[in-house]
PDB file of N, CA and C in Angstrom:
ATOM      1  N   MET A   1      -3.627  21.030 -28.561  1.00  0.00           N
ATOM      2  CA  MET A   1      -3.866  19.612 -28.376  1.00  0.00           C
ATOM      3  C   MET A   1      -3.906  19.331 -26.871  1.00  0.00           C
ATOM      4  N   THR A   2      -4.914  18.641 -26.440  1.00  0.00           N
ATOM      5  CA  THR A   2      -5.048  18.367 -25.013  1.00  0.00           C
ATOM      6  C   THR A   2      -4.098  17.257 -24.598  1.00  0.00           C
ATOM      7  N   GLN A   3      -3.814  17.209 -23.284  1.00  0.00           N
ATOM      8  CA  GLN A   3      -2.931  16.178 -22.749  1.00  0.00           C
ATOM      9  C   GLN A   3      -3.488  14.788 -23.034  1.00  0.00           C
ATOM     10  N   GLN A   4      -4.797  14.597 -22.875  1.00  0.00           N
ATOM     11  CA  GLN A   4      -5.401  13.287 -23.113  1.00  0.00           C
ATOM     12  C   GLN A   4      -5.254  12.872 -24.571  1.00  0.00           C
ATOM     13  N   LYS A   5      -5.433  13.807 -25.500  1.00  0.00           N
ATOM     14  CA  LYS A   5      -5.291  13.502 -26.928  1.00  0.00           C
ATOM     15  C   LYS A   5      -3.853  13.134 -27.236  1.00  0.00           C
ATOM     16  N   LEU A   6      -2.905  13.869 -26.655  1.00  0.00           N
ATOM     17  CA  LEU A   6      -1.490  13.592 -26.870  1.00  0.00           C
ATOM     18  C   LEU A   6      -1.140  12.183 -26.395  1.00  0.00           C
ATOM     19  N   ILE A   7      -1.645  11.814 -25.231  1.00  0.00           N
ATOM     20  CA  ILE A   7      -1.391  10.471 -24.699  1.00  0.00           C
ATOM     21  C   ILE A   7      -2.007   9.419 -25.618  1.00  0.00           C
ATOM     22  N   ALA A   8      -3.218   9.665 -26.071  1.00  0.00           N
ATOM     23  CA  ALA A   8      -3.908   8.702 -26.935  1.00  0.00           C
ATOM     24  C   ALA A   8      -3.177   8.541 -28.268  1.00  0.00           C
ATOM     25  N   ASP A   9      -2.641   9.653 -28.810  1.00  0.00           N
ATOM     26  CA  ASP A   9      -1.951   9.591 -30.100  1.00  0.00           C
ATOM     27  C   ASP A   9      -0.601   8.884 -30.000  1.00  0.00           C
ATOM     28  N   ASP A  10       0.172   9.195 -28.971  1.00  0.00           N
ATOM     29  CA  ASP A  10       1.504   8.598 -28.839  1.00  0.00           C
ATOM     30  C   ASP A  10       1.925   8.591 -27.374  1.00  0.00           C
ATOM     31  N   PRO A  11       1.563   7.544 -26.658  1.00  0.00           N
ATOM     32  CA  PRO A  11       1.896   7.474 -25.233  1.00  0.00           C
ATOM     33  C   PRO A  11       3.402   7.561 -24.975  1.00  0.00           C
ATOM     34  N   GLN A  12       4.203   7.077 -25.911  1.00  0.00           N
ATOM     35  CA  GLN A  12       5.658   7.111 -25.720  1.00  0.00           C
ATOM     36  C   GLN A  12       6.225   8.531 -25.775  1.00  0.00           C
ATOM     37  N   GLN A  13       5.491   9.434 -26.397  1.00  0.00           N
ATOM     38  CA  GLN A  13       5.958  10.814 -26.526  1.00  0.00           C
ATOM     39  C   GLN A  13       6.057  11.490 -25.155  1.00  0.00           C
ATOM     40  N   ILE A  14       5.203  11.098 -24.239  1.00  0.00           N
ATOM     41  CA  ILE A  14       5.243  11.724 -22.918  1.00  0.00           C
ATOM     42  C   ILE A  14       5.906  10.837 -21.870  1.00  0.00           C
ATOM     43  N   ALA A  15       6.229   9.613 -22.226  1.00  0.00           N
ATOM     44  CA  ALA A  15       6.769   8.673 -21.242  1.00  0.00           C
ATOM     45  C   ALA A  15       8.068   9.173 -20.620  1.00  0.00           C
ATOM     46  N   LYS A  16       9.006   9.642 -21.428  1.00  0.00           N
ATOM     47  CA  LYS A  16      10.310  10.064 -20.903  1.00  0.00           C
ATOM     48  C   LYS A  16      10.197  11.272 -19.983  1.00  0.00           C
ATOM     49  N   PRO A  17       9.569  12.381 -20.426  1.00  0.00           N
ATOM     50  CA  PRO A  17       9.481  13.524 -19.502  1.00  0.00           C
ATOM     51  C   PRO A  17       8.642  13.218 -18.266  1.00  0.00           C
ATOM     52  N   LEU A  18       7.596  12.413 -18.422  1.00  0.00           N
ATOM     53  CA  LEU A  18       6.775  12.051 -17.274  1.00  0.00           C
ATOM     54  C   LEU A  18       7.604  11.252 -16.274  1.00  0.00           C
ATOM     55  N   ARG A  19       8.366  10.283 -16.756  1.00  0.00           N
ATOM     56  CA  ARG A  19       9.210   9.466 -15.894  1.00  0.00           C
ATOM     57  C   ARG A  19      10.231  10.357 -15.168  1.00  0.00           C
ATOM     58  N   GLN A  20      10.797  11.338 -15.878  1.00  0.00           N
ATOM     59  CA  GLN A  20      11.776  12.246 -15.266  1.00  0.00           C
ATOM     60  C   GLN A  20      11.139  13.053 -14.130  1.00  0.00           C
ATOM     61  N   TYR A  21       9.944  13.557 -14.353  1.00  0.00           N
ATOM     62  CA  TYR A  21       9.252  14.305 -13.294  1.00  0.00           C
ATOM     63  C   TYR A  21       8.960  13.406 -12.088  1.00  0.00           C
ATOM     64  N   ILE A  22       8.450  12.215 -12.373  1.00  0.00           N
ATOM     65  CA  ILE A  22       8.108  11.285 -11.286  1.00  0.00           C
ATOM     66  C   ILE A  22       9.354  10.942 -10.475  1.00  0.00           C
ATOM     67  N   GLU A  23      10.444  10.605 -11.157  1.00  0.00           N
ATOM     68  CA  GLU A  23      11.678  10.242 -10.453  1.00  0.00           C
ATOM     69  C   GLU A  23      12.245  11.417  -9.676  1.00  0.00           C
ATOM     70  N   ARG A  24      12.167  12.607 -10.245  1.00  0.00           N
ATOM     71  CA  ARG A  24      12.645  13.805  -9.548  1.00  0.00           C
ATOM     72  C   ARG A  24      11.832  14.046  -8.272  1.00  0.00           C
ATOM     73  N   ILE A  25      10.528  13.918  -8.380  1.00  0.00           N
ATOM     74  CA  ILE A  25       9.652  14.115  -7.213  1.00  0.00           C
ATOM     75  C   ILE A  25       9.915  13.046  -6.168  1.00  0.00           C
ATOM     76  N   GLU A  26      10.089  11.803  -6.603  1.00  0.00           N
ATOM     77  CA  GLU A  26      10.390  10.723  -5.656  1.00  0.00           C
ATOM     78  C   GLU A  26      11.701  10.993  -4.914  1.00  0.00           C
ATOM     79  N   THR A  27      12.705  11.478  -5.630  1.00  0.00           N
ATOM     80  CA  THR A  27      13.985  11.815  -5.003  1.00  0.00           C
ATOM     81  C   THR A  27      13.806  12.920  -3.973  1.00  0.00           C
ATOM     82  N   LEU A  28      13.065  13.947  -4.338  1.00  0.00           N
ATOM     83  CA  LEU A  28      12.826  15.054  -3.418  1.00  0.00           C
ATOM     84  C   LEU A  28      12.047  14.603  -2.185  1.00  0.00           C
ATOM     85  N   LEU A  29      11.074  13.722  -2.374  1.00  0.00           N
ATOM     86  CA  LEU A  29      10.315  13.200  -1.231  1.00  0.00           C
ATOM     87  C   LEU A  29      11.215  12.394  -0.298  1.00  0.00           C
ATOM     88  N   GLY A  30      12.149  11.650  -0.866  1.00  0.00           N
ATOM     89  CA  GLY A  30      13.109  10.915  -0.051  1.00  0.00           C
ATOM     90  C   GLY A  30      13.999  11.857   0.745  1.00  0.00           C
ATOM     91  N   GLU A  31      14.454  12.926   0.094  1.00  0.00           N
ATOM     92  CA  GLU A  31      15.276  13.928   0.781  1.00  0.00           C
ATOM     93  C   GLU A  31      14.469  14.612   1.884  1.00  0.00           C
ATOM     94  N   LYS A  32      13.203  14.873   1.596  1.00  0.00           N
ATOM     95  CA  LYS A  32      12.322  15.501   2.584  1.00  0.00           C
ATOM     96  C   LYS A  32      12.195  14.606   3.816  1.00  0.00           C
ATOM     97  N   ALA A  33      12.044  13.307   3.592  1.00  0.00           N
ATOM     98  CA  ALA A  33      11.925  12.367   4.716  1.00  0.00           C
ATOM     99  C   ALA A  33      13.215  12.354   5.535  1.00  0.00           C
ATOM    100  N   ASP A  34      14.371  12.412   4.860  1.00  0.00           N
ATOM    101  CA  ASP A  34      15.650  12.457   5.573  1.00  0.00           C
ATOM    102  C   ASP A  34      15.762  13.721   6.416  1.00  0.00           C
ATOM    103  N   VAL A  35      15.395  14.846   5.845  1.00  0.00           N
ATOM    104  CA  VAL A  35      15.458  16.112   6.577  1.00  0.00           C
ATOM    105  C   VAL A  35      14.513  16.067   7.772  1.00  0.00           C
ATOM    106  N   GLN A  36      13.312  15.542   7.590  1.00  0.00           N
ATOM    107  CA  GLN A  36      12.350  15.446   8.692  1.00  0.00           C
ATOM    108  C   GLN A  36      12.899  14.572   9.810  1.00  0.00           C
ATOM    109  N   ALA A  37      13.598  13.501   9.453  1.00  0.00           N
ATOM    110  CA  ALA A  37      14.193  12.633  10.466  1.00  0.00           C
ATOM    111  C   ALA A  37      15.258  13.390  11.261  1.00  0.00           C
ATOM    112  N   HIS A  38      16.044  14.226  10.581  1.00  0.00           N
ATOM    113  CA  HIS A  38      17.064  15.030  11.274  1.00  0.00           C
ATOM    114  C   HIS A  38      16.412  16.057  12.204  1.00  0.00           C
ATOM    115  N   ILE A  39      15.325  16.659  11.755  1.00  0.00           N
ATOM    116  CA  ILE A  39      14.609  17.631  12.583  1.00  0.00           C
ATOM    117  C   ILE A  39      14.052  16.951  13.826  1.00  0.00           C
ATOM    118  N   THR A  40      13.441  15.794  13.639  1.00  0.00           N
ATOM    119  CA  THR A  40      12.890  15.033  14.762  1.00  0.00           C
ATOM    120  C   THR A  40      13.989  14.684  15.758  1.00  0.00           C
ATOM    121  N   GLU A  41      15.131  14.278  15.244  1.00  0.00           N
ATOM    122  CA  GLU A  41      16.274  13.932  16.099  1.00  0.00           C
ATOM    123  C   GLU A  41      16.760  15.158  16.888  1.00  0.00           C
ATOM    124  N   ALA A  42      16.815  16.317  16.219  1.00  0.00           N
ATOM    125  CA  ALA A  42      17.264  17.536  16.898  1.00  0.00           C
ATOM    126  C   ALA A  42      16.301  17.922  18.018  1.00  0.00           C
ATOM    127  N   PHE A  43      14.995  17.798  17.763  1.00  0.00           N
ATOM    128  CA  PHE A  43      14.018  18.094  18.818  1.00  0.00           C
ATOM    129  C   PHE A  43      14.146  17.102  19.972  1.00  0.00           C
ATOM    130  N   ALA A  44      14.397  15.835  19.661  1.00  0.00           N
ATOM    131  CA  ALA A  44      14.561  14.829  20.718  1.00  0.00           C
ATOM    132  C   ALA A  44      15.794  15.138  21.573  1.00  0.00           C
ATOM    133  N   GLU A  45      16.874  15.553  20.939  1.00  0.00           N
ATOM    134  CA  GLU A  45      18.082  15.926  21.670  1.00  0.00           C
ATOM    135  C   GLU A  45      17.815  17.128  22.569  1.00  0.00           C
ATOM    136  N   ALA A  46      17.116  18.129  22.035  1.00  0.00           N
ATOM    137  CA  ALA A  46      16.799  19.326  22.819  1.00  0.00           C
ATOM    138  C   ALA A  46      15.923  18.955  24.013  1.00  0.00           C
ATOM    139  N   LYS A  47      14.950  18.095  23.776  1.00  0.00           N
ATOM    140  CA  LYS A  47      14.066  17.651  24.863  1.00  0.00           C
ATOM    141  C   LYS A  47      14.878  16.916  25.925  1.00  0.00           C
ATOM    142  N   GLY A  48      15.822  16.109  25.498  1.00  0.00           N
ATOM    143  CA  GLY A  48      16.688  15.392  26.415  1.00  0.00           C
ATOM    144  C   GLY A  48      17.544  16.318  27.269  1.00  0.00           C
ATOM    145  N   GLN A  49      17.797  17.509  26.759  1.00  0.00           N
ATOM    146  CA  GLN A  49      18.568  18.505  27.502  1.00  0.00           C
ATOM    147  C   GLN A  49      17.672  19.392  28.369  1.00  0.00           C
ATOM    148  N   GLY A  50      16.361  19.101  28.360  1.00  0.00           N
ATOM    149  CA  GLY A  50      15.432  19.823  29.223  1.00  0.00           C
ATOM    150  C   GLY A  50      14.706  20.983  28.565  1.00  0.00           C
ATOM    151  N   PHE A  51      14.871  21.168  27.269  1.00  0.00           N
ATOM    152  CA  PHE A  51      14.177  22.258  26.588  1.00  0.00           C
ATOM    153  C   PHE A  51      12.736  21.861  26.274  1.00  0.00           C
ATOM    154  N   ASP A  52      11.849  22.838  26.300  1.00  0.00           N
ATOM    155  CA  ASP A  52      10.434  22.636  25.977  1.00  0.00           C
ATOM    156  C   ASP A  52      10.286  22.729  24.461  1.00  0.00           C
ATOM    157  N   THR A  53      10.011  21.597  23.831  1.00  0.00           N
ATOM    158  CA  THR A  53       9.973  21.578  22.368  1.00  0.00           C
ATOM    159  C   THR A  53       8.764  22.310  21.798  1.00  0.00           C
ATOM    160  N   ARG A  54       7.674  22.369  22.548  1.00  0.00           N
ATOM    161  CA  ARG A  54       6.520  23.154  22.056  1.00  0.00           C
ATOM    162  C   ARG A  54       6.891  24.625  21.986  1.00  0.00           C
ATOM    163  N   ALA A  55       7.589  25.114  23.008  1.00  0.00           N
ATOM    164  CA  ALA A  55       8.028  26.509  23.002  1.00  0.00           C
ATOM    165  C   ALA A  55       9.031  26.748  21.875  1.00  0.00           C
ATOM    166  N   MET A  56       9.907  25.781  21.671  1.00  0.00           N
ATOM    167  CA  MET A  56      10.884  25.917  20.584  1.00  0.00           C
ATOM    168  C   MET A  56      10.186  26.016  19.235  1.00  0.00           C
ATOM    169  N   ARG A  57       9.165  25.171  19.018  1.00  0.00           N
ATOM    170  CA  ARG A  57       8.426  25.215  17.753  1.00  0.00           C
ATOM    171  C   ARG A  57       7.744  26.567  17.567  1.00  0.00           C
ATOM    172  N   ALA A  58       7.209  27.118  18.662  1.00  0.00           N
ATOM    173  CA  ALA A  58       6.554  28.432  18.587  1.00  0.00           C
ATOM    174  C   ALA A  58       7.569  29.508  18.222  1.00  0.00           C
ATOM    175  N   VAL A  59       8.766  29.448  18.824  1.00  0.00           N
ATOM    176  CA  VAL A  59       9.810  30.431  18.520  1.00  0.00           C
ATOM    177  C   VAL A  59      10.243  30.306  17.064  1.00  0.00           C
ATOM    178  N   ILE A  60      10.410  29.077  16.588  1.00  0.00           N
ATOM    179  CA  ILE A  60      10.820  28.862  15.195  1.00  0.00           C
ATOM    180  C   ILE A  60       9.767  29.424  14.241  1.00  0.00           C
ATOM    181  N   LYS A  61       8.506  29.197  14.571  1.00  0.00           N
ATOM    182  CA  LYS A  61       7.418  29.719  13.739  1.00  0.00           C
ATOM    183  C   LYS A  61       7.445  31.249  13.706  1.00  0.00           C
ATOM    184  N   LEU A  62       7.663  31.870  14.871  1.00  0.00           N
ATOM    185  CA  LEU A  62       7.723  33.333  14.935  1.00  0.00           C
ATOM    186  C   LEU A  62       8.931  33.875  14.174  1.00  0.00           C
ATOM    187  N   ARG A  63      10.070  33.208  14.310  1.00  0.00           N
ATOM    188  CA  ARG A  63      11.288  33.677  13.632  1.00  0.00           C
ATOM    189  C   ARG A  63      11.158  33.616  12.112  1.00  0.00           C
ATOM    190  N   ALA A  64      10.295  32.746  11.620  1.00  0.00           N
ATOM    191  CA  ALA A  64      10.109  32.613  10.170  1.00  0.00           C
ATOM    192  C   ALA A  64       9.290  33.763   9.586  1.00  0.00           C
ATOM    193  N   LEU A  65       8.583  34.484  10.456  1.00  0.00           N
ATOM    194  CA  LEU A  65       7.736  35.578   9.994  1.00  0.00           C
ATOM    195  C   LEU A  65       8.561  36.836   9.729  1.00  0.00           C
ATOM    196  N   PRO A  66       8.108  37.667   8.805  1.00  0.00           N
ATOM    197  CA  PRO A  66       8.745  38.976   8.645  1.00  0.00           C
ATOM    198  C   PRO A  66       8.601  39.776   9.953  1.00  0.00           C
ATOM    199  N   GLU A  67       9.554  40.642  10.222  1.00  0.00           N
ATOM    200  CA  GLU A  67       9.591  41.402  11.474  1.00  0.00           C
ATOM    201  C   GLU A  67       8.276  42.120  11.774  1.00  0.00           C
ATOM    202  N   ALA A  68       7.719  42.794  10.792  1.00  0.00           N
ATOM    203  CA  ALA A  68       6.478  43.556  11.022  1.00  0.00           C
ATOM    204  C   ALA A  68       5.327  42.626  11.405  1.00  0.00           C
ATOM    205  N   GLU A  69       5.221  41.500  10.729  1.00  0.00           N
ATOM    206  CA  GLU A  69       4.143  40.558  11.025  1.00  0.00           C
ATOM    207  C   GLU A  69       4.337  39.937  12.414  1.00  0.00           C
ATOM    208  N   ARG A  70       5.593  39.648  12.758  1.00  0.00           N
ATOM    209  CA  ARG A  70       5.883  39.088  14.079  1.00  0.00           C
ATOM    210  C   ARG A  70       5.514  40.087  15.179  1.00  0.00           C
ATOM    211  N   GLN A  71       5.879  41.339  14.987  1.00  0.00           N
ATOM    212  CA  GLN A  71       5.543  42.370  15.973  1.00  0.00           C
ATOM    213  C   GLN A  71       4.032  42.525  16.108  1.00  0.00           C
ATOM    214  N   GLU A  72       3.336  42.476  14.975  1.00  0.00           N
ATOM    215  CA  GLU A  72       1.875  42.587  15.000  1.00  0.00           C
ATOM    216  C   GLU A  72       1.261  41.439  15.800  1.00  0.00           C
ATOM    217  N   GLN A  73       1.727  40.225  15.562  1.00  0.00           N
ATOM    218  CA  GLN A  73       1.187  39.076  16.290  1.00  0.00           C
ATOM    219  C   GLN A  73       1.487  39.168  17.781  1.00  0.00           C
ATOM    220  N   GLU A  74       2.699  39.609  18.133  1.00  0.00           N
ATOM    221  CA  GLU A  74       3.057  39.750  19.534  1.00  0.00           C
ATOM    222  C   GLU A  74       2.199  40.819  20.210  1.00  0.00           C
ATOM    223  N   THR A  75       1.940  41.917  19.502  1.00  0.00           N
ATOM    224  CA  THR A  75       1.104  42.990  20.035  1.00  0.00           C
ATOM    225  C   THR A  75      -0.320  42.501  20.272  1.00  0.00           C
ATOM    226  N   ILE A  76      -0.864  41.787  19.320  1.00  0.00           N
ATOM    227  CA  ILE A  76      -2.228  41.256  19.455  1.00  0.00           C
ATOM    228  C   ILE A  76      -2.289  40.264  20.616  1.00  0.00           C
ATOM    229  N   LEU A  77      -1.296  39.408  20.738  1.00  0.00           N
ATOM    230  CA  LEU A  77      -1.259  38.441  21.836  1.00  0.00           C
ATOM    231  C   LEU A  77      -1.219  39.162  23.189  1.00  0.00           C
ATOM    232  N   GLU A  78      -0.394  40.182  23.294  1.00  0.00           N
ATOM    233  CA  GLU A  78      -0.333  40.965  24.532  1.00  0.00           C
ATOM    234  C   GLU A  78      -1.678  41.626  24.825  1.00  0.00           C
ATOM    235  N   LEU A  79      -2.294  42.197  23.804  1.00  0.00           N
ATOM    236  CA  LEU A  79      -3.582  42.873  23.964  1.00  0.00           C
ATOM    237  C   LEU A  79      -4.639  41.886  24.454  1.00  0.00           C
ATOM    238  N   TYR A  80      -4.724  40.739  23.823  1.00  0.00           N
ATOM    239  CA  TYR A  80      -5.714  39.736  24.221  1.00  0.00           C
ATOM    240  C   TYR A  80      -5.437  39.213  25.627  1.00  0.00           C
ATOM    241  N   SER A  81      -4.171  38.952  25.930  1.00  0.00           N
ATOM    242  CA  SER A  81      -3.819  38.463  27.257  1.00  0.00           C
ATOM    243  C   SER A  81      -4.187  39.480  28.334  1.00  0.00           C
ATOM    244  N   HIS A  82      -3.899  40.736  28.059  1.00  0.00           N
ATOM    245  CA  HIS A  82      -4.224  41.813  29.009  1.00  0.00           C
ATOM    246  C   HIS A  82      -5.751  41.923  29.170  1.00  0.00           C
ATOM    247  N   ALA A  83      -6.477  41.854  28.050  1.00  0.00           N
ATOM    248  CA  ALA A  83      -7.940  41.980  28.103  1.00  0.00           C
ATOM    249  C   ALA A  83      -8.561  40.844  28.907  1.00  0.00           C
ATOM    250  N   LEU A  84      -7.919  39.685  28.929  1.00  0.00           N
ATOM    251  CA  LEU A  84      -8.449  38.541  29.674  1.00  0.00           C
ATOM    252  C   LEU A  84      -7.870  38.444  31.086  1.00  0.00           C
ATOM    253  N   GLY A  85      -7.075  39.448  31.468  1.00  0.00           N
ATOM    254  CA  GLY A  85      -6.518  39.475  32.814  1.00  0.00           C
ATOM    255  C   GLY A  85      -5.448  38.419  33.027  1.00  0.00           C
ATOM    256  N   MET A  86      -4.749  38.065  32.003  1.00  0.00           N
ATOM    257  CA  MET A  86      -3.740  37.011  32.100  1.00  0.00           C
ATOM    258  C   MET A  86      -2.361  37.550  32.421  1.00  0.00           C
ATOM    259  N   GLU A  87      -2.197  38.869  32.472  1.00  0.00           N
ATOM    260  CA  GLU A  87      -0.880  39.463  32.740  1.00  0.00           C
ATOM    261  C   GLU A  87      -0.743  39.866  34.171  1.00  0.00           C
TER     262      GLU A  87
END
């Protein structure tokens, strides 16, 4: 039975689980906004202490990568920089 047919036959049958999913997602989105506000605040504090937030974001991005992938990216960056005479 398709979702559209189920809704047409008995809209109340899906109302409760649908409402639960919607409310759960709304709660998670609210938590996400709170976390983003904390992250923004932490970057603002770091910037206030003289840290370069663009560099910090780059380091955070690199740290999230698996070691092998991070090493590969660093090697490629060094190779390209050297090839362009930037070293």
